[in-house]
Structure formats: structure tokens, C-alpha cells
Amino acid sequence: MTEKTETKKEPTEVEKLVKEKISLAKKLGLMDQGTKPNEGYEETDEYKRINEIDLKLWELIK
């Protein structure tokens, strides 16, 4: 008998960035249904990182 070796595929850079962006957006109250964004979220480092991720994703996808 032969055993199938399952190889775990490493996430791509795009997948990593999307996961990070979702995590940050949830932390700031931007993604979950029925939640209001945290007050002053636009001034946080997390929001700045979301914008950086958007720019990087644009470069990777275009």
C-alpha cells in the first residue's frame, strides 16, 4: 500500500495580507455585522496598516 503524503501549502503573500486586513478591520469594528466602527479609528496604527495592506494588494494583483 502507498500512503498519500499530505503537504500543507504555505499561504501566499496575498492570502497573508487579506487575513491580516480582516483581523485588523474586525479589531476596529469595521467588519462584523451590526457593529459600529470604534471612535477615532481613522487615527489608529491599525487603520494605517490597513491602508498599507490595500496598497500592497493593489500592487500584487494588478
PDB file of N, CA and C in Angstrom:
ATOM      1  N   MET A   1       0.826  -1.186   0.000  1.00  0.00           N
ATOM      2  CA  MET A   1       0.000   0.000   0.000  1.00  0.00           C
ATOM      3  C   MET A   1       0.870   1.249   0.000  1.00  0.00           C
ATOM      4  N   THR A   2       0.361   2.253  -0.665  1.00  0.00           N
ATOM      5  CA  THR A   2       1.089   3.518  -0.668  1.00  0.00           C
ATOM      6  C   THR A   2       0.317   4.539   0.149  1.00  0.00           C
ATOM      7  N   GLU A   3       1.051   5.328   0.879  1.00  0.00           N
ATOM      8  CA  GLU A   3       0.418   6.383   1.676  1.00  0.00           C
ATOM      9  C   GLU A   3       0.506   7.702   0.941  1.00  0.00           C
ATOM     10  N   LYS A   4      -0.564   8.431   0.986  1.00  0.00           N
ATOM     11  CA  LYS A   4      -0.558   9.761   0.393  1.00  0.00           C
ATOM     12  C   LYS A   4       0.041  10.723   1.407  1.00  0.00           C
ATOM     13  N   THR A   5       1.020  11.429   0.974  1.00  0.00           N
ATOM     14  CA  THR A   5       1.626  12.418   1.853  1.00  0.00           C
ATOM     15  C   THR A   5       0.912  13.738   1.623  1.00  0.00           C
ATOM     16  N   GLU A   6       0.312  14.215   2.686  1.00  0.00           N
ATOM     17  CA  GLU A   6      -0.378  15.496   2.579  1.00  0.00           C
ATOM     18  C   GLU A   6       0.625  16.607   2.815  1.00  0.00           C
ATOM     19  N   THR A   7       0.710  17.477   1.856  1.00  0.00           N
ATOM     20  CA  THR A   7       1.604  18.619   2.012  1.00  0.00           C
ATOM     21  C   THR A   7       0.763  19.847   2.280  1.00  0.00           C
ATOM     22  N   LYS A   8       1.158  20.565   3.295  1.00  0.00           N
ATOM     23  CA  LYS A   8       0.436  21.800   3.612  1.00  0.00           C
ATOM     24  C   LYS A   8       1.014  22.910   2.763  1.00  0.00           C
ATOM     25  N   LYS A   9       0.143  23.530   2.024  1.00  0.00           N
ATOM     26  CA  LYS A   9       0.560  24.625   1.166  1.00  0.00           C
ATOM     27  C   LYS A   9       0.741  25.877   2.012  1.00  0.00           C
ATOM     28  N   GLU A  10       1.878  26.509   1.858  1.00  0.00           N
ATOM     29  CA  GLU A  10       2.118  27.772   2.551  1.00  0.00           C
ATOM     30  C   GLU A  10       1.196  28.835   1.966  1.00  0.00           C
ATOM     31  N   PRO A  11       0.615  29.679   2.829  1.00  0.00           N
ATOM     32  CA  PRO A  11      -0.240  30.737   2.295  1.00  0.00           C
ATOM     33  C   PRO A  11       0.572  31.729   1.455  1.00  0.00           C
ATOM     34  N   THR A  12      -0.047  32.216   0.418  1.00  0.00           N
ATOM     35  CA  THR A  12       0.617  33.196  -0.439  1.00  0.00           C
ATOM     36  C   THR A  12       0.671  34.544   0.282  1.00  0.00           C
ATOM     37  N   GLU A  13       1.445  35.456  -0.257  1.00  0.00           N
ATOM     38  CA  GLU A  13       1.528  36.789   0.343  1.00  0.00           C
ATOM     39  C   GLU A  13       0.158  37.465   0.332  1.00  0.00           C
ATOM     40  N   VAL A  14      -0.581  37.287  -0.750  1.00  0.00           N
ATOM     41  CA  VAL A  14      -1.920  37.876  -0.847  1.00  0.00           C
ATOM     42  C   VAL A  14      -2.816  37.312   0.256  1.00  0.00           C
ATOM     43  N   GLU A  15      -2.785  36.008   0.456  1.00  0.00           N
ATOM     44  CA  GLU A  15      -3.615  35.385   1.491  1.00  0.00           C
ATOM     45  C   GLU A  15      -3.246  35.899   2.885  1.00  0.00           C
ATOM     46  N   LYS A  16      -1.954  36.034   3.139  1.00  0.00           N
ATOM     47  CA  LYS A  16      -1.494  36.543   4.432  1.00  0.00           C
ATOM     48  C   LYS A  16      -1.972  37.975   4.658  1.00  0.00           C
ATOM     49  N   LEU A  17      -1.863  38.806   3.620  1.00  0.00           N
ATOM     50  CA  LEU A  17      -2.272  40.200   3.744  1.00  0.00           C
ATOM     51  C   LEU A  17      -3.778  40.329   3.953  1.00  0.00           C
ATOM     52  N   VAL A  18      -4.546  39.543   3.228  1.00  0.00           N
ATOM     53  CA  VAL A  18      -6.004  39.587   3.372  1.00  0.00           C
ATOM     54  C   VAL A  18      -6.397  39.161   4.781  1.00  0.00           C
ATOM     55  N   LYS A  19      -5.775  38.111   5.285  1.00  0.00           N
ATOM     56  CA  LYS A  19      -6.072  37.635   6.644  1.00  0.00           C
ATOM     57  C   LYS A  19      -5.734  38.713   7.672  1.00  0.00           C
ATOM     58  N   GLU A  20      -4.588  39.373   7.506  1.00  0.00           N
ATOM     59  CA  GLU A  20      -4.193  40.438   8.432  1.00  0.00           C
ATOM     60  C   GLU A  20      -5.175  41.608   8.359  1.00  0.00           C
ATOM     61  N   LYS A  21      -5.580  41.965   7.148  1.00  0.00           N
ATOM     62  CA  LYS A  21      -6.510  43.081   6.971  1.00  0.00           C
ATOM     63  C   LYS A  21      -7.853  42.779   7.644  1.00  0.00           C
ATOM     64  N   ILE A  22      -8.357  41.575   7.481  1.00  0.00           N
ATOM     65  CA  ILE A  22      -9.624  41.189   8.102  1.00  0.00           C
ATOM     66  C   ILE A  22      -9.509  41.258   9.617  1.00  0.00           C
ATOM     67  N   SER A  23      -8.408  40.752  10.135  1.00  0.00           N
ATOM     68  CA  SER A  23      -8.194  40.775  11.585  1.00  0.00           C
ATOM     69  C   SER A  23      -8.177  42.212  12.123  1.00  0.00           C
ATOM     70  N   LEU A  24      -7.468  43.090  11.444  1.00  0.00           N
ATOM     71  CA  LEU A  24      -7.393  44.492  11.867  1.00  0.00           C
ATOM     72  C   LEU A  24      -8.755  45.178  11.763  1.00  0.00           C
ATOM     73  N   ALA A  25      -9.464  44.905  10.670  1.00  0.00           N
ATOM     74  CA  ALA A  25     -10.775  45.526  10.468  1.00  0.00           C
ATOM     75  C   ALA A  25     -11.768  45.089  11.544  1.00  0.00           C
ATOM     76  N   LYS A  26     -11.717  43.822  11.913  1.00  0.00           N
ATOM     77  CA  LYS A  26     -12.600  43.338  12.987  1.00  0.00           C
ATOM     78  C   LYS A  26     -12.243  44.009  14.300  1.00  0.00           C
ATOM     79  N   LYS A  27     -10.953  44.149  14.566  1.00  0.00           N
ATOM     80  CA  LYS A  27     -10.494  44.788  15.804  1.00  0.00           C
ATOM     81  C   LYS A  27     -11.004  46.225  15.905  1.00  0.00           C
ATOM     82  N   LEU A  28     -11.088  46.902  14.760  1.00  0.00           N
ATOM     83  CA  LEU A  28     -11.541  48.295  14.732  1.00  0.00           C
ATOM     84  C   LEU A  28     -13.060  48.421  14.605  1.00  0.00           C
ATOM     85  N   GLY A  29     -13.765  47.295  14.523  1.00  0.00           N
ATOM     86  CA  GLY A  29     -15.222  47.327  14.406  1.00  0.00           C
ATOM     87  C   GLY A  29     -15.699  47.666  13.013  1.00  0.00           C
ATOM     88  N   LEU A  30     -14.884  47.395  12.003  1.00  0.00           N
ATOM     89  CA  LEU A  30     -15.234  47.753  10.628  1.00  0.00           C
ATOM     90  C   LEU A  30     -15.876  46.612   9.842  1.00  0.00           C
ATOM     91  N   MET A  31     -15.780  45.380  10.338  1.00  0.00           N
ATOM     92  CA  MET A  31     -16.231  44.250   9.522  1.00  0.00           C
ATOM     93  C   MET A  31     -17.429  43.503  10.070  1.00  0.00           C
ATOM     94  N   ASP A  32     -17.520  43.314  11.347  1.00  0.00           N
ATOM     95  CA  ASP A  32     -18.593  42.491  11.880  1.00  0.00           C
ATOM     96  C   ASP A  32     -19.948  43.168  11.696  1.00  0.00           C
ATOM     97  N   GLN A  33     -20.907  42.384  11.258  1.00  0.00           N
ATOM     98  CA  GLN A  33     -22.242  42.904  11.008  1.00  0.00           C
ATOM     99  C   GLN A  33     -22.865  43.398  12.312  1.00  0.00           C
ATOM    100  N   GLY A  34     -23.451  44.562  12.241  1.00  0.00           N
ATOM    101  CA  GLY A  34     -24.135  45.114  13.397  1.00  0.00           C
ATOM    102  C   GLY A  34     -23.239  45.869  14.364  1.00  0.00           C
ATOM    103  N   THR A  35     -21.974  46.016  14.016  1.00  0.00           N
ATOM    104  CA  THR A  35     -21.084  46.760  14.912  1.00  0.00           C
ATOM    105  C   THR A  35     -20.814  48.146  14.338  1.00  0.00           C
ATOM    106  N   LYS A  36     -20.509  49.049  15.209  1.00  0.00           N
ATOM    107  CA  LYS A  36     -20.134  50.394  14.796  1.00  0.00           C
ATOM    108  C   LYS A  36     -18.614  50.500  14.855  1.00  0.00           C
ATOM    109  N   PRO A  37     -18.032  51.225  13.921  1.00  0.00           N
ATOM    110  CA  PRO A  37     -16.577  51.420  13.991  1.00  0.00           C
ATOM    111  C   PRO A  37     -16.196  52.107  15.307  1.00  0.00           C
ATOM    112  N   ASN A  38     -15.044  51.721  15.829  1.00  0.00           N
ATOM    113  CA  ASN A  38     -14.541  52.359  17.038  1.00  0.00           C
ATOM    114  C   ASN A  38     -14.328  53.839  16.774  1.00  0.00           C
ATOM    115  N   GLU A  39     -14.646  54.648  17.752  1.00  0.00           N
ATOM    116  CA  GLU A  39     -14.480  56.089  17.612  1.00  0.00           C
ATOM    117  C   GLU A  39     -13.004  56.422  17.394  1.00  0.00           C
ATOM    118  N   GLY A  40     -12.738  57.246  16.387  1.00  0.00           N
ATOM    119  CA  GLY A  40     -11.382  57.677  16.099  1.00  0.00           C
ATOM    120  C   GLY A  40     -10.515  56.624  15.423  1.00  0.00           C
ATOM    121  N   TYR A  41     -11.152  55.590  14.838  1.00  0.00           N
ATOM    122  CA  TYR A  41     -10.378  54.503  14.241  1.00  0.00           C
ATOM    123  C   TYR A  41      -9.451  54.963  13.122  1.00  0.00           C
ATOM    124  N   GLU A  42      -9.828  56.068  12.441  1.00  0.00           N
ATOM    125  CA  GLU A  42      -9.020  56.542  11.320  1.00  0.00           C
ATOM    126  C   GLU A  42      -7.628  56.987  11.747  1.00  0.00           C
ATOM    127  N   GLU A  43      -7.463  57.277  13.023  1.00  0.00           N
ATOM    128  CA  GLU A  43      -6.185  57.781  13.528  1.00  0.00           C
ATOM    129  C   GLU A  43      -5.301  56.679  14.117  1.00  0.00           C
ATOM    130  N   THR A  44      -5.759  55.438  14.102  1.00  0.00           N
ATOM    131  CA  THR A  44      -5.007  54.360  14.743  1.00  0.00           C
ATOM    132  C   THR A  44      -3.940  53.779  13.816  1.00  0.00           C
ATOM    133  N   ASP A  45      -2.950  53.157  14.432  1.00  0.00           N
ATOM    134  CA  ASP A  45      -1.908  52.469  13.662  1.00  0.00           C
ATOM    135  C   ASP A  45      -2.490  51.303  12.881  1.00  0.00           C
ATOM    136  N   GLU A  46      -3.520  50.661  13.435  1.00  0.00           N
ATOM    137  CA  GLU A  46      -4.165  49.543  12.751  1.00  0.00           C
ATOM    138  C   GLU A  46      -4.802  50.003  11.440  1.00  0.00           C
ATOM    139  N   TYR A  47      -5.450  51.155  11.477  1.00  0.00           N
ATOM    140  CA  TYR A  47      -6.084  51.672  10.260  1.00  0.00           C
ATOM    141  C   TYR A  47      -5.032  52.074   9.229  1.00  0.00           C
ATOM    142  N   LYS A  48      -3.945  52.647   9.692  1.00  0.00           N
ATOM    143  CA  LYS A  48      -2.846  52.990   8.776  1.00  0.00           C
ATOM    144  C   LYS A  48      -2.295  51.727   8.129  1.00  0.00           C
ATOM    145  N   ARG A  49      -2.202  50.645   8.914  1.00  0.00           N
ATOM    146  CA  ARG A  49      -1.713  49.368   8.376  1.00  0.00           C
ATOM    147  C   ARG A  49      -2.693  48.819   7.338  1.00  0.00           C
ATOM    148  N   ILE A  50      -3.983  48.960   7.571  1.00  0.00           N
ATOM    149  CA  ILE A  50      -4.973  48.521   6.587  1.00  0.00           C
ATOM    150  C   ILE A  50      -4.741  49.242   5.263  1.00  0.00           C
ATOM    151  N   ASN A  51      -4.476  50.527   5.313  1.00  0.00           N
ATOM    152  CA  ASN A  51      -4.205  51.283   4.088  1.00  0.00           C
ATOM    153  C   ASN A  51      -2.925  50.812   3.400  1.00  0.00           C
ATOM    154  N   GLU A  52      -1.906  50.487   4.192  1.00  0.00           N
ATOM    155  CA  GLU A  52      -0.664  49.948   3.619  1.00  0.00           C
ATOM    156  C   GLU A  52      -0.927  48.606   2.930  1.00  0.00           C
ATOM    157  N   ILE A  53      -1.723  47.785   3.579  1.00  0.00           N
ATOM    158  CA  ILE A  53      -2.069  46.479   3.007  1.00  0.00           C
ATOM    159  C   ILE A  53      -2.821  46.667   1.696  1.00  0.00           C
ATOM    160  N   ASP A  54      -3.760  47.606   1.658  1.00  0.00           N
ATOM    161  CA  ASP A  54      -4.508  47.881   0.424  1.00  0.00           C
ATOM    162  C   ASP A  54      -3.573  48.233  -0.727  1.00  0.00           C
ATOM    163  N   LEU A  55      -2.592  49.078  -0.447  1.00  0.00           N
ATOM    164  CA  LEU A  55      -1.640  49.471  -1.485  1.00  0.00           C
ATOM    165  C   LEU A  55      -0.821  48.274  -1.964  1.00  0.00           C
ATOM    166  N   LYS A  56      -0.365  47.450  -1.031  1.00  0.00           N
ATOM    167  CA  LYS A  56       0.424  46.267  -1.383  1.00  0.00           C
ATOM    168  C   LYS A  56      -0.414  45.275  -2.178  1.00  0.00           C
ATOM    169  N   LEU A  57      -1.662  45.064  -1.764  1.00  0.00           N
ATOM    170  CA  LEU A  57      -2.540  44.154  -2.506  1.00  0.00           C
ATOM    171  C   LEU A  57      -2.770  44.661  -3.928  1.00  0.00           C
ATOM    172  N   TRP A  58      -2.938  45.961  -4.064  1.00  0.00           N
ATOM    173  CA  TRP A  58      -3.134  46.548  -5.383  1.00  0.00           C
ATOM    174  C   TRP A  58      -1.932  46.250  -6.270  1.00  0.00           C
ATOM    175  N   GLU A  59      -0.736  46.403  -5.715  1.00  0.00           N
ATOM    176  CA  GLU A  59       0.476  46.130  -6.480  1.00  0.00           C
ATOM    177  C   GLU A  59       0.584  44.645  -6.861  1.00  0.00           C
ATOM    178  N   LEU A  60       0.212  43.768  -5.962  1.00  0.00           N
ATOM    179  CA  LEU A  60       0.322  42.332  -6.212  1.00  0.00           C
ATOM    180  C   LEU A  60      -0.710  41.834  -7.214  1.00  0.00           C
ATOM    181  N   ILE A  61      -1.883  42.440  -7.204  1.00  0.00           N
ATOM    182  CA  ILE A  61      -2.995  41.927  -8.015  1.00  0.00           C
ATOM    183  C   ILE A  61      -3.066  42.544  -9.403  1.00  0.00           C
ATOM    184  N   LYS A  62      -2.655  43.786  -9.539  1.00  0.00           N
ATOM    185  CA  LYS A  62      -2.843  44.459 -10.841  1.00  0.00           C
ATOM    186  C   LYS A  62      -2.069  43.857 -11.970  1.00  0.00           C
TER     187      LYS A  62
END
